[in-house]
Amino acid sequence: MVRERANLAPGASEELADCVRVMFARMLDEADSATSRGKRWSATVGPISVTLTPTR
């Protein structure tokens, strides 16, 4: 269903899932460390870009 809604080609959903897993791991490690020190963190993995800015 997600592949159809996002208009992904066959096989692309698996590639996207791999990117999500990598990004999730980086967020748990690098992003958590950076934001806990009050630093902004950004990363791009494949088509996924995330920027986290601490509010305190």
PDB file of N, CA and C in Angstrom:
ATOM      1  N   MET A   1       0.815  -1.191   0.000  1.00  0.00           N
ATOM      2  CA  MET A   1       0.000   0.000   0.000  1.00  0.00           C
ATOM      3  C   MET A   1       0.862   1.260   0.000  1.00  0.00           C
ATOM      4  N   VAL A   2       1.916   1.279   0.828  1.00  0.00           N
ATOM      5  CA  VAL A   2       2.784   2.459   0.875  1.00  0.00           C
ATOM      6  C   VAL A   2       3.442   2.688  -0.473  1.00  0.00           C
ATOM      7  N   ARG A   3       3.913   1.613  -1.097  1.00  0.00           N
ATOM      8  CA  ARG A   3       4.571   1.746  -2.394  1.00  0.00           C
ATOM      9  C   ARG A   3       3.637   2.372  -3.412  1.00  0.00           C
ATOM     10  N   GLU A   4       2.378   1.950  -3.427  1.00  0.00           N
ATOM     11  CA  GLU A   4       1.419   2.500  -4.379  1.00  0.00           C
ATOM     12  C   GLU A   4       1.135   3.978  -4.083  1.00  0.00           C
ATOM     13  N   ARG A   5       0.953   4.316  -2.818  1.00  0.00           N
ATOM     14  CA  ARG A   5       0.667   5.713  -2.447  1.00  0.00           C
ATOM     15  C   ARG A   5       1.840   6.626  -2.751  1.00  0.00           C
ATOM     16  N   ALA A   6       3.056   6.149  -2.538  1.00  0.00           N
ATOM     17  CA  ALA A   6       4.241   6.963  -2.789  1.00  0.00           C
ATOM     18  C   ALA A   6       4.691   6.872  -4.236  1.00  0.00           C
ATOM     19  N   ASN A   7       4.000   6.055  -5.029  1.00  0.00           N
ATOM     20  CA  ASN A   7       4.326   5.856  -6.435  1.00  0.00           C
ATOM     21  C   ASN A   7       5.762   5.350  -6.596  1.00  0.00           C
ATOM     22  N   LEU A   8       6.144   4.391  -5.755  1.00  0.00           N
ATOM     23  CA  LEU A   8       7.492   3.827  -5.800  1.00  0.00           C
ATOM     24  C   LEU A   8       7.563   2.689  -6.806  1.00  0.00           C
ATOM     25  N   ALA A   9       8.680   2.623  -7.474  1.00  0.00           N
ATOM     26  CA  ALA A   9       8.911   1.523  -8.409  1.00  0.00           C
ATOM     27  C   ALA A   9       9.131   0.241  -7.613  1.00  0.00           C
ATOM     28  N   PRO A  10       8.886  -0.907  -8.238  1.00  0.00           N
ATOM     29  CA  PRO A  10       9.163  -2.172  -7.551  1.00  0.00           C
ATOM     30  C   PRO A  10      10.616  -2.210  -7.091  1.00  0.00           C
ATOM     31  N   GLY A  11      10.827  -2.632  -5.868  1.00  0.00           N
ATOM     32  CA  GLY A  11      12.173  -2.683  -5.310  1.00  0.00           C
ATOM     33  C   GLY A  11      12.551  -1.409  -4.570  1.00  0.00           C
ATOM     34  N   ALA A  12      11.925  -0.301  -4.907  1.00  0.00           N
ATOM     35  CA  ALA A  12      12.256   0.970  -4.266  1.00  0.00           C
ATOM     36  C   ALA A  12      11.802   1.006  -2.810  1.00  0.00           C
ATOM     37  N   SER A  13      10.718   0.306  -2.495  1.00  0.00           N
ATOM     38  CA  SER A  13      10.253   0.308  -1.114  1.00  0.00           C
ATOM     39  C   SER A  13      11.264  -0.383  -0.204  1.00  0.00           C
ATOM     40  N   GLU A  14      11.930  -1.419  -0.701  1.00  0.00           N
ATOM     41  CA  GLU A  14      12.960  -2.087   0.083  1.00  0.00           C
ATOM     42  C   GLU A  14      14.169  -1.168   0.279  1.00  0.00           C
ATOM     43  N   GLU A  15      14.525  -0.424  -0.763  1.00  0.00           N
ATOM     44  CA  GLU A  15      15.637   0.533  -0.651  1.00  0.00           C
ATOM     45  C   GLU A  15      15.298   1.632   0.347  1.00  0.00           C
ATOM     46  N   LEU A  16      14.067   2.111   0.301  1.00  0.00           N
ATOM     47  CA  LEU A  16      13.628   3.142   1.233  1.00  0.00           C
ATOM     48  C   LEU A  16      13.645   2.596   2.662  1.00  0.00           C
ATOM     49  N   ALA A  17      13.198   1.375   2.852  1.00  0.00           N
ATOM     50  CA  ALA A  17      13.212   0.755   4.180  1.00  0.00           C
ATOM     51  C   ALA A  17      14.644   0.660   4.708  1.00  0.00           C
ATOM     52  N   ASP A  18      15.599   0.334   3.841  1.00  0.00           N
ATOM     53  CA  ASP A  18      17.005   0.287   4.251  1.00  0.00           C
ATOM     54  C   ASP A  18      17.485   1.665   4.691  1.00  0.00           C
ATOM     55  N   CYS A  19      17.104   2.701   3.957  1.00  0.00           N
ATOM     56  CA  CYS A  19      17.483   4.071   4.317  1.00  0.00           C
ATOM     57  C   CYS A  19      16.877   4.467   5.657  1.00  0.00           C
ATOM     58  N   VAL A  20      15.643   4.063   5.878  1.00  0.00           N
ATOM     59  CA  VAL A  20      14.976   4.376   7.146  1.00  0.00           C
ATOM     60  C   VAL A  20      15.708   3.708   8.304  1.00  0.00           C
ATOM     61  N   ARG A  21      16.104   2.459   8.137  1.00  0.00           N
ATOM     62  CA  ARG A  21      16.836   1.752   9.199  1.00  0.00           C
ATOM     63  C   ARG A  21      18.150   2.440   9.520  1.00  0.00           C
ATOM     64  N   VAL A  22      18.880   2.852   8.486  1.00  0.00           N
ATOM     65  CA  VAL A  22      20.156   3.552   8.691  1.00  0.00           C
ATOM     66  C   VAL A  22      19.924   4.890   9.391  1.00  0.00           C
ATOM     67  N   MET A  23      18.929   5.645   8.934  1.00  0.00           N
ATOM     68  CA  MET A  23      18.642   6.940   9.546  1.00  0.00           C
ATOM     69  C   MET A  23      18.237   6.767  11.000  1.00  0.00           C
ATOM     70  N   PHE A  24      17.410   5.794  11.285  1.00  0.00           N
ATOM     71  CA  PHE A  24      16.965   5.546  12.651  1.00  0.00           C
ATOM     72  C   PHE A  24      18.165   5.262  13.557  1.00  0.00           C
ATOM     73  N   ALA A  25      19.084   4.429  13.098  1.00  0.00           N
ATOM     74  CA  ALA A  25      20.280   4.116  13.888  1.00  0.00           C
ATOM     75  C   ALA A  25      21.124   5.368  14.116  1.00  0.00           C
ATOM     76  N   ARG A  26      21.274   6.184  13.076  1.00  0.00           N
ATOM     77  CA  ARG A  26      22.059   7.425  13.219  1.00  0.00           C
ATOM     78  C   ARG A  26      21.391   8.392  14.179  1.00  0.00           C
ATOM     79  N   MET A  27      20.068   8.452  14.143  1.00  0.00           N
ATOM     80  CA  MET A  27      19.359   9.346  15.056  1.00  0.00           C
ATOM     81  C   MET A  27      19.530   8.891  16.503  1.00  0.00           C
ATOM     82  N   LEU A  28      19.485   7.584  16.735  1.00  0.00           N
ATOM     83  CA  LEU A  28      19.658   7.079  18.092  1.00  0.00           C
ATOM     84  C   LEU A  28      21.070   7.314  18.615  1.00  0.00           C
ATOM     85  N   ASP A  29      22.041   7.317  17.750  1.00  0.00           N
ATOM     86  CA  ASP A  29      23.441   7.464  18.157  1.00  0.00           C
ATOM     87  C   ASP A  29      23.906   8.913  18.023  1.00  0.00           C
ATOM     88  N   GLU A  30      24.121   9.346  16.807  1.00  0.00           N
ATOM     89  CA  GLU A  30      24.696  10.668  16.545  1.00  0.00           C
ATOM     90  C   GLU A  30      23.776  11.812  16.957  1.00  0.00           C
ATOM     91  N   ALA A  31      22.504  11.724  16.570  1.00  0.00           N
ATOM     92  CA  ALA A  31      21.580  12.822  16.852  1.00  0.00           C
ATOM     93  C   ALA A  31      21.342  12.970  18.342  1.00  0.00           C
ATOM     94  N   ASP A  32      21.171  11.860  19.027  1.00  0.00           N
ATOM     95  CA  ASP A  32      20.948  11.914  20.469  1.00  0.00           C
ATOM     96  C   ASP A  32      22.137  12.551  21.166  1.00  0.00           C
ATOM     97  N   SER A  33      23.322  12.158  20.753  1.00  0.00           N
ATOM     98  CA  SER A  33      24.540  12.717  21.347  1.00  0.00           C
ATOM     99  C   SER A  33      24.652  14.218  21.079  1.00  0.00           C
ATOM    100  N   ALA A  34      24.429  14.626  19.849  1.00  0.00           N
ATOM    101  CA  ALA A  34      24.557  16.040  19.474  1.00  0.00           C
ATOM    102  C   ALA A  34      23.509  16.901  20.160  1.00  0.00           C
ATOM    103  N   THR A  35      22.255  16.471  20.099  1.00  0.00           N
ATOM    104  CA  THR A  35      21.196  17.309  20.668  1.00  0.00           C
ATOM    105  C   THR A  35      21.262  17.355  22.192  1.00  0.00           C
ATOM    106  N   SER A  36      21.763  16.316  22.814  1.00  0.00           N
ATOM    107  CA  SER A  36      21.898  16.359  24.271  1.00  0.00           C
ATOM    108  C   SER A  36      22.982  17.348  24.696  1.00  0.00           C
ATOM    109  N   ARG A  37      23.896  17.665  23.778  1.00  0.00           N
ATOM    110  CA  ARG A  37      24.922  18.687  24.033  1.00  0.00           C
ATOM    111  C   ARG A  37      24.467  20.070  23.555  1.00  0.00           C
ATOM    112  N   GLY A  38      23.221  20.159  23.071  1.00  0.00           N
ATOM    113  CA  GLY A  38      22.683  21.430  22.608  1.00  0.00           C
ATOM    114  C   GLY A  38      23.059  21.793  21.182  1.00  0.00           C
ATOM    115  N   LYS A  39      23.557  20.830  20.424  1.00  0.00           N
ATOM    116  CA  LYS A  39      23.978  21.058  19.038  1.00  0.00           C
ATOM    117  C   LYS A  39      22.886  20.651  18.059  1.00  0.00           C
ATOM    118  N   ARG A  40      22.850  21.352  16.948  1.00  0.00           N
ATOM    119  CA  ARG A  40      21.954  20.997  15.844  1.00  0.00           C
ATOM    120  C   ARG A  40      22.547  19.795  15.127  1.00  0.00           C
ATOM    121  N   TRP A  41      21.696  18.914  14.598  1.00  0.00           N
ATOM    122  CA  TRP A  41      22.147  17.717  13.901  1.00  0.00           C
ATOM    123  C   TRP A  41      21.374  17.576  12.602  1.00  0.00           C
ATOM    124  N   SER A  42      22.066  17.269  11.527  1.00  0.00           N
ATOM    125  CA  SER A  42      21.455  17.037  10.219  1.00  0.00           C
ATOM    126  C   SER A  42      22.103  15.827   9.565  1.00  0.00           C
ATOM    127  N   ALA A  43      21.299  15.110   8.812  1.00  0.00           N
ATOM    128  CA  ALA A  43      21.832  13.972   8.057  1.00  0.00           C
ATOM    129  C   ALA A  43      20.917  13.695   6.871  1.00  0.00           C
ATOM    130  N   THR A  44      21.516  13.123   5.845  1.00  0.00           N
ATOM    131  CA  THR A  44      20.778  12.667   4.676  1.00  0.00           C
ATOM    132  C   THR A  44      21.207  11.244   4.377  1.00  0.00           C
ATOM    133  N   VAL A  45      20.229  10.385   4.217  1.00  0.00           N
ATOM    134  CA  VAL A  45      20.469   8.994   3.833  1.00  0.00           C
ATOM    135  C   VAL A  45      19.513   8.711   2.689  1.00  0.00           C
ATOM    136  N   GLY A  46      20.062   8.554   1.496  1.00  0.00           N
ATOM    137  CA  GLY A  46      19.211   8.354   0.329  1.00  0.00           C
ATOM    138  C   GLY A  46      18.276   9.545   0.175  1.00  0.00           C
ATOM    139  N   PRO A  47      16.972   9.307   0.041  1.00  0.00           N
ATOM    140  CA  PRO A  47      16.032  10.409  -0.151  1.00  0.00           C
ATOM    141  C   PRO A  47      15.546  11.032   1.170  1.00  0.00           C
ATOM    142  N   ILE A  48      16.047  10.553   2.295  1.00  0.00           N
ATOM    143  CA  ILE A  48      15.590  11.021   3.602  1.00  0.00           C
ATOM    144  C   ILE A  48      16.552  12.053   4.164  1.00  0.00           C
ATOM    145  N   SER A  49      16.023  13.217   4.496  1.00  0.00           N
ATOM    146  CA  SER A  49      16.822  14.266   5.152  1.00  0.00           C
ATOM    147  C   SER A  49      16.146  14.621   6.462  1.00  0.00           C
ATOM    148  N   VAL A  50      16.970  14.714   7.519  1.00  0.00           N
ATOM    149  CA  VAL A  50      16.442  15.034   8.844  1.00  0.00           C
ATOM    150  C   VAL A  50      17.347  16.098   9.445  1.00  0.00           C
ATOM    151  N   THR A  51      16.728  17.110  10.064  1.00  0.00           N
ATOM    152  CA  THR A  51      17.452  18.118  10.841  1.00  0.00           C
ATOM    153  C   THR A  51      16.761  18.228  12.182  1.00  0.00           C
ATOM    154  N   LEU A  52      17.552  18.119  13.245  1.00  0.00           N
ATOM    155  CA  LEU A  52      17.021  18.243  14.596  1.00  0.00           C
ATOM    156  C   LEU A  52      17.712  19.425  15.263  1.00  0.00           C
ATOM    157  N   THR A  53      16.913  20.294  15.863  1.00  0.00           N
ATOM    158  CA  THR A  53      17.428  21.462  16.549  1.00  0.00           C
ATOM    159  C   THR A  53      16.918  21.428  17.990  1.00  0.00           C
ATOM    160  N   PRO A  54      17.830  21.376  18.958  1.00  0.00           N
ATOM    161  CA  PRO A  54      17.383  21.360  20.342  1.00  0.00           C
ATOM    162  C   PRO A  54      16.683  22.674  20.693  1.00  0.00           C
ATOM    163  N   THR A  55      15.686  22.617  21.544  1.00  0.00           N
ATOM    164  CA  THR A  55      14.942  23.805  21.902  1.00  0.00           C
ATOM    165  C   THR A  55      15.449  24.454  23.177  1.00  0.00           C
ATOM    166  N   ARG A  56      16.336  23.811  23.882  1.00  0.00           N
ATOM    167  CA  ARG A  56      16.883  24.408  25.106  1.00  0.00           C
ATOM    168  C   ARG A  56      18.321  24.766  24.931  1.00  0.00           C
TER     169      ARG A  56
END
